[in-house]
Amino acid sequence: MNEKEKHVRENAPHAHNNADNADQIANSMTAKGKNEKRQGTAQSNRLWMWLGVIILIFILLYWLFSIGIFEDVIGYFNG
């Protein structure tokens, strides 16, 4: 077997594997991008949820003070 045949024989199976590896890399990159987008979306959803909870707490406190329940409980009153 001469050098050329040896080179072709050694590299021929790898040519097919390289194409498969390129497909696997491309698929893994798209999957990685989708996972990163999903995680980013989950983080922003979590942030908006906590922001909504904080706003609702402030609305509840404002409402309680406006109807006077907290004023009676803490002993604060006008006149």
Protein backbone atom coordinates (compact mmCIF):
# COMPACT_ATOMS: atom_id res chain seq x y z
CA MET A 1 0.00 0.00 0.00
CA ASN A 2 1.54 3.28 -1.02
CA GLU A 3 1.31 6.57 0.88
CA LYS A 4 -1.66 7.92 -1.08
CA GLU A 5 -3.79 4.81 -0.56
CA LYS A 6 -2.89 4.77 3.12
CA HIS A 7 -3.87 8.43 3.47
CA VAL A 8 -7.19 7.93 1.66
CA ARG A 9 -8.00 4.80 3.65
CA GLU A 10 -7.24 6.49 6.98
CA ASN A 11 -9.19 9.67 6.20
CA ALA A 12 -12.16 8.28 4.27
CA PRO A 13 -14.22 7.18 7.27
CA HIS A 14 -13.51 10.46 9.00
CA ALA A 15 -14.92 12.47 6.11
CA HIS A 16 -18.34 10.98 6.76
CA ASN A 17 -17.93 11.43 10.53
CA ASN A 18 -16.92 15.06 10.07
CA ALA A 19 -20.21 15.76 8.27
CA ASP A 20 -22.10 14.02 11.08
CA ASN A 21 -20.12 15.95 13.67
CA ALA A 22 -20.89 19.22 11.89
CA ASP A 23 -24.61 18.37 11.98
CA GLN A 24 -24.38 17.48 15.66
CA ILE A 25 -22.55 20.71 16.43
CA ALA A 26 -25.13 22.76 14.51
CA ASN A 27 -27.99 20.98 16.29
CA SER A 28 -26.36 21.40 19.67
CA MET A 29 -25.80 25.10 19.01
CA THR A 30 -29.46 25.65 18.12
CA ALA A 31 -30.51 23.65 21.18
CA LYS A 32 -28.13 25.68 23.32
CA GLY A 33 -29.58 28.92 21.93
CA LYS A 34 -33.12 27.75 22.61
CA ASN A 35 -32.19 26.79 26.18
CA GLU A 36 -30.54 30.16 26.79
CA LYS A 37 -33.60 31.98 25.44
CA ARG A 38 -35.88 29.83 27.60
CA GLN A 39 -33.80 30.60 30.70
CA GLY A 40 -33.76 34.31 29.91
CA THR A 41 -37.51 34.31 29.43
CA ALA A 42 -38.01 32.46 32.71
CA GLN A 43 -35.83 34.99 34.52
CA SER A 44 -37.70 37.96 33.09
CA ASN A 45 -41.05 36.32 33.88
CA ARG A 46 -39.90 35.77 37.46
CA LEU A 47 -38.82 39.42 37.69
CA TRP A 48 -42.19 40.69 36.41
CA MET A 49 -44.01 38.38 38.82
CA TRP A 50 -42.13 39.77 41.84
CA LEU A 51 -42.65 43.31 40.62
CA GLY A 52 -46.39 42.62 40.44
CA VAL A 53 -46.39 41.14 43.94
CA ILE A 54 -44.63 44.21 45.35
CA ILE A 55 -47.09 46.55 43.60
CA LEU A 56 -50.02 44.55 44.96
CA ILE A 57 -48.60 44.78 48.48
CA PHE A 58 -48.31 48.57 48.16
CA ILE A 59 -51.88 48.77 46.84
CA LEU A 60 -53.10 46.67 49.78
CA LEU A 61 -51.25 48.84 52.32
CA TYR A 62 -52.60 52.02 50.71
CA TRP A 63 -56.12 50.63 50.80
CA LEU A 64 -55.81 49.58 54.44
CA PHE A 65 -54.57 53.04 55.44
CA SER A 66 -57.24 54.76 53.36
CA ILE A 67 -60.09 52.93 55.10
CA GLY A 68 -58.54 53.48 58.50
CA ILE A 69 -57.87 49.93 59.69
CA PHE A 70 -54.17 50.54 60.23
CA GLU A 71 -54.90 53.90 61.78
CA ASP A 72 -56.96 52.19 64.46
CA VAL A 73 -54.44 49.40 64.98
CA ILE A 74 -51.42 51.70 65.41
CA GLY A 75 -53.36 54.32 67.34
CA TYR A 76 -53.00 57.10 64.77
CA PHE A 77 -56.03 59.30 64.23
CA ASN A 78 -56.89 62.76 63.02
CA GLY A 79 -58.47 65.02 65.58
